[in-house]
PDB file of all heavy atoms in Angstrom:
ATOM      1  N   LEU A   1     120.218 176.293  55.747  1.00  0.00           N
ATOM      2  CA  LEU A   1     120.107 174.961  55.150  1.00  0.00           C
ATOM      3  C   LEU A   1     121.092 174.806  54.004  1.00  0.00           C
ATOM      4  O   LEU A   1     121.487 175.789  53.359  1.00  0.00           O
ATOM      5  CB  LEU A   1     118.694 174.752  54.619  1.00  0.00           C
ATOM      6  CG  LEU A   1     117.597 174.599  55.667  1.00  0.00           C
ATOM      7  CD1 LEU A   1     116.229 174.717  55.015  1.00  0.00           C
ATOM      8  CD2 LEU A   1     117.718 173.258  56.381  1.00  0.00           C
ATOM      9  N   PRO A   2     121.528 173.590  53.720  1.00  0.00           N
ATOM     10  CA  PRO A   2     122.433 173.373  52.582  1.00  0.00           C
ATOM     11  C   PRO A   2     121.793 173.818  51.278  1.00  0.00           C
ATOM     12  O   PRO A   2     120.595 173.658  51.091  1.00  0.00           O
ATOM     13  CB  PRO A   2     122.658 171.856  52.583  1.00  0.00           C
ATOM     14  CG  PRO A   2     122.291 171.416  53.958  1.00  0.00           C
ATOM     15  CD  PRO A   2     121.222 172.345  54.423  1.00  0.00           C
ATOM     16  N   LYS A   3     122.599 174.371  50.373  1.00  0.00           N
ATOM     17  CA  LYS A   3     122.072 174.782  49.086  1.00  0.00           C
ATOM     18  C   LYS A   3     121.852 173.554  48.204  1.00  0.00           C
ATOM     19  O   LYS A   3     122.516 172.547  48.348  1.00  0.00           O
ATOM     20  CB  LYS A   3     123.050 175.758  48.422  1.00  0.00           C
ATOM     21  CG  LYS A   3     123.155 177.091  49.155  1.00  0.00           C
ATOM     22  CD  LYS A   3     124.089 178.031  48.438  1.00  0.00           C
ATOM     23  CE  LYS A   3     124.148 179.360  49.169  1.00  0.00           C
ATOM     24  NZ  LYS A   3     125.088 180.313  48.505  1.00  0.00           N
ATOM     25  N   ALA A   4     120.924 173.701  47.274  1.00  0.00           N
ATOM     26  CA  ALA A   4     120.591 172.601  46.377  1.00  0.00           C
ATOM     27  C   ALA A   4     121.707 172.393  45.366  1.00  0.00           C
ATOM     28  O   ALA A   4     122.429 173.310  44.998  1.00  0.00           O
ATOM     29  CB  ALA A   4     119.281 172.900  45.651  1.00  0.00           C
ATOM     30  N   LEU A   5     121.872 171.130  44.942  1.00  0.00           N
ATOM     31  CA  LEU A   5     122.834 170.840  43.884  1.00  0.00           C
ATOM     32  C   LEU A   5     122.358 171.455  42.583  1.00  0.00           C
ATOM     33  O   LEU A   5     121.157 171.536  42.315  1.00  0.00           O
ATOM     34  CB  LEU A   5     122.982 169.330  43.711  1.00  0.00           C
ATOM     35  CG  LEU A   5     123.767 168.594  44.780  1.00  0.00           C
ATOM     36  CD1 LEU A   5     123.642 167.099  44.552  1.00  0.00           C
ATOM     37  CD2 LEU A   5     125.228 168.991  44.765  1.00  0.00           C
ATOM     38  N   PRO A   6     123.279 171.932  41.725  1.00  0.00           N
ATOM     39  CA  PRO A   6     122.872 172.513  40.449  1.00  0.00           C
ATOM     40  C   PRO A   6     122.418 171.487  39.435  1.00  0.00           C
ATOM     41  O   PRO A   6     121.974 171.821  38.378  1.00  0.00           O
ATOM     42  CB  PRO A   6     124.152 173.228  39.983  1.00  0.00           C
ATOM     43  CG  PRO A   6     125.265 172.466  40.623  1.00  0.00           C
ATOM     44  CD  PRO A   6     124.717 172.001  41.946  1.00  0.00           C
ATOM     45  N   VAL A   7     122.574 170.218  39.740  1.00  0.00           N
ATOM     46  CA  VAL A   7     122.098 169.150  38.846  1.00  0.00           C
ATOM     47  C   VAL A   7     121.318 168.152  39.681  1.00  0.00           C
ATOM     48  O   VAL A   7     121.490 168.072  40.891  1.00  0.00           O
ATOM     49  CB  VAL A   7     123.254 168.437  38.132  1.00  0.00           C
ATOM     50  CG1 VAL A   7     123.971 169.372  37.204  1.00  0.00           C
ATOM     51  CG2 VAL A   7     124.220 167.827  39.136  1.00  0.00           C
ATOM     52  N   ASP A   8     120.498 167.394  39.028  1.00  0.00           N
ATOM     53  CA  ASP A   8     119.715 166.370  39.717  1.00  0.00           C
ATOM     54  C   ASP A   8     120.452 165.032  39.644  1.00  0.00           C
ATOM     55  O   ASP A   8     120.623 164.475  38.565  1.00  0.00           O
ATOM     56  CB  ASP A   8     118.324 166.215  39.093  1.00  0.00           C
ATOM     57  CG  ASP A   8     117.486 167.452  39.350  1.00  0.00           C
ATOM     58  OD1 ASP A   8     117.619 168.047  40.423  1.00  0.00           O
ATOM     59  OD2 ASP A   8     116.688 167.802  38.449  1.00  0.00           O
ATOM     60  N   LEU A   9     120.902 164.528  40.788  1.00  0.00           N
ATOM     61  CA  LEU A   9     121.540 163.233  40.865  1.00  0.00           C
ATOM     62  C   LEU A   9     120.538 162.203  41.370  1.00  0.00           C
ATOM     63  O   LEU A   9     119.605 162.562  42.071  1.00  0.00           O
ATOM     64  CB  LEU A   9     122.754 163.280  41.796  1.00  0.00           C
ATOM     65  CG  LEU A   9     123.941 164.112  41.315  1.00  0.00           C
ATOM     66  CD1 LEU A   9     124.990 164.189  42.426  1.00  0.00           C
ATOM     67  CD2 LEU A   9     124.553 163.535  40.066  1.00  0.00           C
ATOM     68  N   PRO A  10     120.721 160.950  41.043  1.00  0.00           N
ATOM     69  CA  PRO A  10     119.792 159.911  41.540  1.00  0.00           C
ATOM     70  C   PRO A  10     119.817 159.875  43.068  1.00  0.00           C
ATOM     71  O   PRO A  10     120.849 160.066  43.690  1.00  0.00           O
ATOM     72  CB  PRO A  10     120.373 158.624  40.947  1.00  0.00           C
ATOM     73  CG  PRO A  10     121.186 159.070  39.785  1.00  0.00           C
ATOM     74  CD  PRO A  10     121.755 160.397  40.163  1.00  0.00           C
ATOM     75  N   ASP A  11     118.684 159.665  43.633  1.00  0.00           N
ATOM     76  CA  ASP A  11     118.558 159.565  45.099  1.00  0.00           C
ATOM     77  C   ASP A  11     118.769 158.125  45.512  1.00  0.00           C
ATOM     78  O   ASP A  11     118.063 157.229  45.047  1.00  0.00           O
ATOM     79  CB  ASP A  11     117.135 160.020  45.494  1.00  0.00           C
ATOM     80  CG  ASP A  11     116.950 160.055  46.987  1.00  0.00           C
ATOM     81  OD1 ASP A  11     117.759 159.440  47.714  1.00  0.00           O
ATOM     82  OD2 ASP A  11     115.988 160.705  47.429  1.00  0.00           O
ATOM     83  N   PRO A  12     119.761 157.848  46.379  1.00  0.00           N
ATOM     84  CA  PRO A  12     120.007 156.461  46.781  1.00  0.00           C
ATOM     85  C   PRO A  12     118.819 155.804  47.460  1.00  0.00           C
ATOM     86  O   PRO A  12     118.710 154.593  47.502  1.00  0.00           O
ATOM     87  CB  PRO A  12     121.201 156.569  47.737  1.00  0.00           C
ATOM     88  CG  PRO A  12     121.210 157.995  48.192  1.00  0.00           C
ATOM     89  CD  PRO A  12     120.689 158.771  47.042  1.00  0.00           C
ATOM     90  N   GLU A  13     117.886 156.607  48.012  1.00  0.00           N
ATOM     91  CA  GLU A  13     116.718 156.033  48.657  1.00  0.00           C
ATOM     92  C   GLU A  13     115.705 155.537  47.645  1.00  0.00           C
ATOM     93  O   GLU A  13     114.674 154.995  47.991  1.00  0.00           O
ATOM     94  CB  GLU A  13     116.064 157.086  49.573  1.00  0.00           C
ATOM     95  CG  GLU A  13     116.870 157.372  50.823  1.00  0.00           C
ATOM     96  CD  GLU A  13     117.130 156.125  51.630  1.00  0.00           C
ATOM     97  OE1 GLU A  13     116.191 155.345  51.822  1.00  0.00           O
ATOM     98  OE2 GLU A  13     118.277 155.922  52.056  1.00  0.00           O
ATOM     99  N   ARG A  14     115.969 155.770  46.335  1.00  0.00           N
ATOM    100  CA  ARG A  14     115.019 155.343  45.316  1.00  0.00           C
ATOM    101  C   ARG A  14     115.610 154.180  44.500  1.00  0.00           C
ATOM    102  O   ARG A  14     115.227 153.974  43.366  1.00  0.00           O
ATOM    103  CB  ARG A  14     114.677 156.508  44.417  1.00  0.00           C
ATOM    104  CG  ARG A  14     114.030 157.643  45.186  1.00  0.00           C
ATOM    105  CD  ARG A  14     113.913 158.896  44.378  1.00  0.00           C
ATOM    106  NE  ARG A  14     112.806 158.810  43.451  1.00  0.00           N
ATOM    107  CZ  ARG A  14     112.320 159.869  42.793  1.00  0.00           C
ATOM    108  NH1 ARG A  14     112.810 161.039  42.988  1.00  0.00           N
ATOM    109  NH2 ARG A  14     111.315 159.726  41.969  1.00  0.00           N
ATOM    110  N   ARG A  15     116.532 153.451  45.108  1.00  0.00           N
ATOM    111  CA  ARG A  15     117.152 152.351  44.380  1.00  0.00           C
ATOM    112  C   ARG A  15     116.164 151.250  44.081  1.00  0.00           C
ATOM    113  O   ARG A  15     116.236 150.589  43.056  1.00  0.00           O
ATOM    114  CB  ARG A  15     118.312 151.763  45.205  1.00  0.00           C
ATOM    115  CG  ARG A  15     119.483 152.721  45.352  1.00  0.00           C
ATOM    116  CD  ARG A  15     120.572 152.068  46.134  1.00  0.00           C
ATOM    117  NE  ARG A  15     121.672 152.976  46.372  1.00  0.00           N
ATOM    118  CZ  ARG A  15     122.763 152.647  47.035  1.00  0.00           C
ATOM    119  NH1 ARG A  15     122.904 151.444  47.538  1.00  0.00           N
ATOM    120  NH2 ARG A  15     123.742 153.523  47.211  1.00  0.00           N
ATOM    121  N   GLN A  16     115.256 150.998  45.017  1.00  0.00           N
ATOM    122  CA  GLN A  16     114.334 149.880  44.867  1.00  0.00           C
ATOM    123  C   GLN A  16     112.901 150.398  44.662  1.00  0.00           C
ATOM    124  O   GLN A  16     112.491 151.384  45.282  1.00  0.00           O
ATOM    125  CB  GLN A  16     114.366 148.979  46.123  1.00  0.00           C
ATOM    126  CG  GLN A  16     115.749 148.435  46.436  1.00  0.00           C
ATOM    127  CD  GLN A  16     116.202 147.418  45.410  1.00  0.00           C
ATOM    128  OE1 GLN A  16     115.365 146.769  44.794  1.00  0.00           O
ATOM    129  NE2 GLN A  16     117.503 147.281  45.247  1.00  0.00           N
ATOM    130  N   ASP A  17     112.174 149.709  43.814  1.00  0.00           N
ATOM    131  CA  ASP A  17     110.742 149.989  43.627  1.00  0.00           C
ATOM    132  C   ASP A  17     110.464 151.473  43.408  1.00  0.00           C
ATOM    133  O   ASP A  17     109.773 152.117  44.171  1.00  0.00           O
ATOM    134  CB  ASP A  17     109.962 149.483  44.852  1.00  0.00           C
ATOM    135  CG  ASP A  17     108.471 149.297  44.514  1.00  0.00           C
ATOM    136  OD1 ASP A  17     108.092 149.596  43.380  1.00  0.00           O
ATOM    137  OD2 ASP A  17     107.735 148.866  45.392  1.00  0.00           O
ATOM    138  N   PHE A  18     110.995 152.004  42.311  1.00  0.00           N
ATOM    139  CA  PHE A  18     110.882 153.422  42.015  1.00  0.00           C
ATOM    140  C   PHE A  18     109.427 153.872  41.927  1.00  0.00           C
ATOM    141  O   PHE A  18     109.058 154.921  42.447  1.00  0.00           O
ATOM    142  CB  PHE A  18     111.585 153.737  40.690  1.00  0.00           C
ATOM    143  CG  PHE A  18     111.393 155.160  40.232  1.00  0.00           C
ATOM    144  CD1 PHE A  18     112.158 156.169  40.755  1.00  0.00           C
ATOM    145  CD2 PHE A  18     110.427 155.479  39.286  1.00  0.00           C
ATOM    146  CE1 PHE A  18     111.976 157.487  40.339  1.00  0.00           C
ATOM    147  CE2 PHE A  18     110.235 156.780  38.884  1.00  0.00           C
ATOM    148  CZ  PHE A  18     110.999 157.788  39.402  1.00  0.00           C
ATOM    149  N   SER A  19     108.572 153.078  41.279  1.00  0.00           N
ATOM    150  CA  SER A  19     107.193 153.497  41.078  1.00  0.00           C
ATOM    151  C   SER A  19     106.449 153.690  42.394  1.00  0.00           C
ATOM    152  O   SER A  19     105.691 154.650  42.571  1.00  0.00           O
ATOM    153  CB  SER A  19     106.433 152.501  40.189  1.00  0.00           C
ATOM    154  OG  SER A  19     106.391 151.227  40.809  1.00  0.00           O
ATOM    155  N   THR A  20     106.679 152.768  43.349  1.00  0.00           N
ATOM    156  CA  THR A  20     106.026 152.896  44.656  1.00  0.00           C
ATOM    157  C   THR A  20     106.535 154.134  45.393  1.00  0.00           C
ATOM    158  O   THR A  20     105.752 154.904  45.957  1.00  0.00           O
ATOM    159  CB  THR A  20     106.274 151.643  45.513  1.00  0.00           C
ATOM    160  OG1 THR A  20     105.692 150.521  44.855  1.00  0.00           O
ATOM    161  CG2 THR A  20     105.623 151.803  46.884  1.00  0.00           C
ATOM    162  N   ARG A  21     107.834 154.318  45.379  1.00  0.00           N
ATOM    163  CA  ARG A  21     108.411 155.472  46.053  1.00  0.00           C
ATOM    164  C   ARG A  21     107.898 156.764  45.409  1.00  0.00           C
ATOM    165  O   ARG A  21     107.616 157.733  46.117  1.00  0.00           O
ATOM    166  CB  ARG A  21     109.938 155.426  45.978  1.00  0.00           C
ATOM    167  CG  ARG A  21     110.562 154.329  46.820  1.00  0.00           C
ATOM    168  CD  ARG A  21     112.042 154.304  46.661  1.00  0.00           C
ATOM    169  NE  ARG A  21     112.625 153.210  47.411  1.00  0.00           N
ATOM    170  CZ  ARG A  21     112.966 153.284  48.678  1.00  0.00           C
ATOM    171  NH1 ARG A  21     112.767 154.404  49.345  1.00  0.00           N
ATOM    172  NH2 ARG A  21     113.488 152.252  49.312  1.00  0.00           N
ATOM    173  N   LYS A  22     107.790 156.747  44.107  1.00  0.00           N
ATOM    174  CA  LYS A  22     107.301 157.957  43.397  1.00  0.00           C
ATOM    175  C   LYS A  22     105.877 158.274  43.811  1.00  0.00           C
ATOM    176  O   LYS A  22     105.530 159.445  44.021  1.00  0.00           O
ATOM    177  CB  LYS A  22     107.370 157.707  41.891  1.00  0.00           C
ATOM    178  CG  LYS A  22     106.977 158.919  41.039  1.00  0.00           C
ATOM    179  CD  LYS A  22     108.011 159.998  41.148  1.00  0.00           C
ATOM    180  CE  LYS A  22     107.831 161.062  40.040  1.00  0.00           C
ATOM    181  NZ  LYS A  22     106.508 161.668  40.030  1.00  0.00           N
ATOM    182  N   ARG A  23     105.028 157.265  43.942  1.00  0.00           N
ATOM    183  CA  ARG A  23     103.643 157.526  44.362  1.00  0.00           C
ATOM    184  C   ARG A  23     103.589 158.094  45.769  1.00  0.00           C
ATOM    185  O   ARG A  23     102.813 159.006  46.052  1.00  0.00           O
ATOM    186  CB  ARG A  23     102.822 156.237  44.278  1.00  0.00           C
ATOM    187  CG  ARG A  23     102.459 155.808  42.860  1.00  0.00           C
ATOM    188  CD  ARG A  23     101.400 154.713  42.840  1.00  0.00           C
ATOM    189  NE  ARG A  23     101.826 153.525  43.502  1.00  0.00           N
ATOM    190  CZ  ARG A  23     101.335 153.084  44.682  1.00  0.00           C
ATOM    191  NH1 ARG A  23     100.427 153.799  45.291  1.00  0.00           N
ATOM    192  NH2 ARG A  23     101.773 151.967  45.206  1.00  0.00           N
ATOM    193  N   VAL A  24     104.421 157.556  46.666  1.00  0.00           N
ATOM    194  CA  VAL A  24     104.461 158.077  48.029  1.00  0.00           C
ATOM    195  C   VAL A  24     104.940 159.515  48.037  1.00  0.00           C
ATOM    196  O   VAL A  24     104.387 160.403  48.716  1.00  0.00           O
ATOM    197  CB  VAL A  24     105.357 157.208  48.933  1.00  0.00           C
ATOM    198  CG1 VAL A  24     105.520 157.848  50.296  1.00  0.00           C
ATOM    199  CG2 VAL A  24     104.762 155.802  49.076  1.00  0.00           C
ATOM    200  N   GLU A  25     105.990 159.779  47.270  1.00  0.00           N
ATOM    201  CA  GLU A  25     106.529 161.137  47.216  1.00  0.00           C
ATOM    202  C   GLU A  25     105.531 162.118  46.626  1.00  0.00           C
ATOM    203  O   GLU A  25     105.406 163.248  47.104  1.00  0.00           O
ATOM    204  CB  GLU A  25     107.828 161.133  46.394  1.00  0.00           C
ATOM    205  CG  GLU A  25     108.979 160.452  47.119  1.00  0.00           C
ATOM    206  CD  GLU A  25     110.187 160.270  46.218  1.00  0.00           C
ATOM    207  OE1 GLU A  25     110.151 160.753  45.072  1.00  0.00           O
ATOM    208  OE2 GLU A  25     111.155 159.636  46.670  1.00  0.00           O
ATOM    209  N   ASP A  26     104.826 161.704  45.579  1.00  0.00           N
ATOM    210  CA  ASP A  26     103.837 162.571  44.968  1.00  0.00           C
ATOM    211  C   ASP A  26     102.690 162.883  45.929  1.00  0.00           C
ATOM    212  O   ASP A  26     102.221 164.022  46.013  1.00  0.00           O
ATOM    213  CB  ASP A  26     103.285 161.947  43.699  1.00  0.00           C
ATOM    214  CG  ASP A  26     104.278 161.978  42.531  1.00  0.00           C
ATOM    215  OD1 ASP A  26     105.273 162.724  42.652  1.00  0.00           O
ATOM    216  OD2 ASP A  26     104.070 161.273  41.543  1.00  0.00           O
ATOM    217  N   SER A  27     102.254 161.863  46.656  1.00  0.00           N
ATOM    218  CA  SER A  27     101.155 162.094  47.605  1.00  0.00           C
ATOM    219  C   SER A  27     101.613 163.015  48.719  1.00  0.00           C
ATOM    220  O   SER A  27     100.832 163.856  49.201  1.00  0.00           O
ATOM    221  CB  SER A  27     100.638 160.764  48.176  1.00  0.00           C
ATOM    222  OG  SER A  27     101.607 160.156  49.029  1.00  0.00           O
ATOM    223  N   TRP A  28     102.892 162.876  49.148  1.00  0.00           N
ATOM    224  CA  TRP A  28     103.407 163.779  50.179  1.00  0.00           C
ATOM    225  C   TRP A  28     103.564 165.196  49.641  1.00  0.00           C
ATOM    226  O   TRP A  28     103.288 166.164  50.338  1.00  0.00           O
ATOM    227  CB  TRP A  28     104.750 163.289  50.708  1.00  0.00           C
ATOM    228  CG  TRP A  28     105.448 164.346  51.503  1.00  0.00           C
ATOM    229  CD1 TRP A  28     106.589 165.000  51.208  1.00  0.00           C
ATOM    230  CD2 TRP A  28     104.991 164.909  52.747  1.00  0.00           C
ATOM    231  NE1 TRP A  28     106.900 165.933  52.163  1.00  0.00           N
ATOM    232  CE2 TRP A  28     105.919 165.892  53.129  1.00  0.00           C
ATOM    233  CE3 TRP A  28     103.888 164.673  53.566  1.00  0.00           C
ATOM    234  CZ2 TRP A  28     105.797 166.649  54.283  1.00  0.00           C
ATOM    235  CZ3 TRP A  28     103.778 165.428  54.729  1.00  0.00           C
ATOM    236  CH2 TRP A  28     104.705 166.388  55.078  1.00  0.00           C
ATOM    237  N   THR A  29     103.964 165.326  48.383  1.00  0.00           N
ATOM    238  CA  THR A  29     104.112 166.662  47.782  1.00  0.00           C
ATOM    239  C   THR A  29     102.784 167.402  47.797  1.00  0.00           C
ATOM    240  O   THR A  29     102.721 168.603  48.097  1.00  0.00           O
ATOM    241  CB  THR A  29     104.637 166.551  46.341  1.00  0.00           C
ATOM    242  OG1 THR A  29     105.949 165.947  46.373  1.00  0.00           O
ATOM    243  CG2 THR A  29     104.761 167.912  45.691  1.00  0.00           C
ATOM    244  N   ASP A  30     101.706 166.682  47.448  1.00  0.00           N
ATOM    245  CA  ASP A  30     100.363 167.315  47.476  1.00  0.00           C
ATOM    246  C   ASP A  30     100.001 167.733  48.889  1.00  0.00           C
ATOM    247  O   ASP A  30      99.457 168.832  49.109  1.00  0.00           O
ATOM    248  CB  ASP A  30      99.323 166.320  46.945  1.00  0.00           C
ATOM    249  CG  ASP A  30      99.482 166.039  45.471  1.00  0.00           C
ATOM    250  OD1 ASP A  30     100.177 166.835  44.795  1.00  0.00           O
ATOM    251  OD2 ASP A  30      98.949 165.026  44.993  1.00  0.00           O
ATOM    252  N   LEU A  31     100.277 166.866  49.846  1.00  0.00           N
ATOM    253  CA  LEU A  31      99.965 167.179  51.247  1.00  0.00           C
ATOM    254  C   LEU A  31     100.821 168.366  51.721  1.00  0.00           C
ATOM    255  O   LEU A  31     100.323 169.263  52.398  1.00  0.00           O
ATOM    256  CB  LEU A  31     100.224 165.954  52.123  1.00  0.00           C
ATOM    257  CG  LEU A  31     100.005 166.101  53.643  1.00  0.00           C
ATOM    258  CD1 LEU A  31      98.600 166.575  53.930  1.00  0.00           C
ATOM    259  CD2 LEU A  31     100.281 164.760  54.328  1.00  0.00           C
ATOM    260  N   ARG A  32     102.078 168.337  51.365  1.00  0.00           N
ATOM    261  CA  ARG A  32     103.011 169.408  51.768  1.00  0.00           C
ATOM    262  C   ARG A  32     102.588 170.757  51.209  1.00  0.00           C
ATOM    263  O   ARG A  32     102.711 171.784  51.866  1.00  0.00           O
ATOM    264  CB  ARG A  32     104.423 169.027  51.267  1.00  0.00           C
ATOM    265  CG  ARG A  32     105.488 170.069  51.520  1.00  0.00           C
ATOM    266  CD  ARG A  32     105.723 170.213  53.021  1.00  0.00           C
ATOM    267  NE  ARG A  32     106.949 170.935  53.254  1.00  0.00           N
ATOM    268  CZ  ARG A  32     107.136 172.226  53.028  1.00  0.00           C
ATOM    269  NH1 ARG A  32     106.161 172.944  52.518  1.00  0.00           N
ATOM    270  NH2 ARG A  32     108.292 172.806  53.273  1.00  0.00           N
ATOM    271  N   ALA A  33     102.043 170.760  49.990  1.00  0.00           N
ATOM    272  CA  ALA A  33     101.581 172.001  49.385  1.00  0.00           C
ATOM    273  C   ALA A  33     100.436 172.618  50.169  1.00  0.00           C
ATOM    274  O   ALA A  33     100.337 173.842  50.318  1.00  0.00           O
ATOM    275  CB  ALA A  33     101.159 171.740  47.937  1.00  0.00           C
ATOM    276  N   GLU A  34      99.559 171.754  50.710  1.00  0.00           N
ATOM    277  CA  GLU A  34      98.433 172.256  51.524  1.00  0.00           C
ATOM    278  C   GLU A  34      98.927 172.867  52.830  1.00  0.00           C
ATOM    279  O   GLU A  34      98.263 173.697  53.435  1.00  0.00           O
ATOM    280  CB  GLU A  34      97.473 171.096  51.821  1.00  0.00           C
ATOM    281  CG  GLU A  34      96.760 170.554  50.607  1.00  0.00           C
ATOM    282  CD  GLU A  34      95.763 171.532  50.031  1.00  0.00           C
ATOM    283  OE1 GLU A  34      95.227 172.369  50.810  1.00  0.00           O
ATOM    284  OE2 GLU A  34      95.555 171.503  48.811  1.00  0.00           O
TER     285      GLU A  34
END
């Protein structure tokens, strides 16, 4: 797999409605951890 970037750049998929995307991502992170 590609290696991670050494810095965090903005994700173009989060251009719109950051708060909603963040909630979806957080809920997926919890599910992914399980």
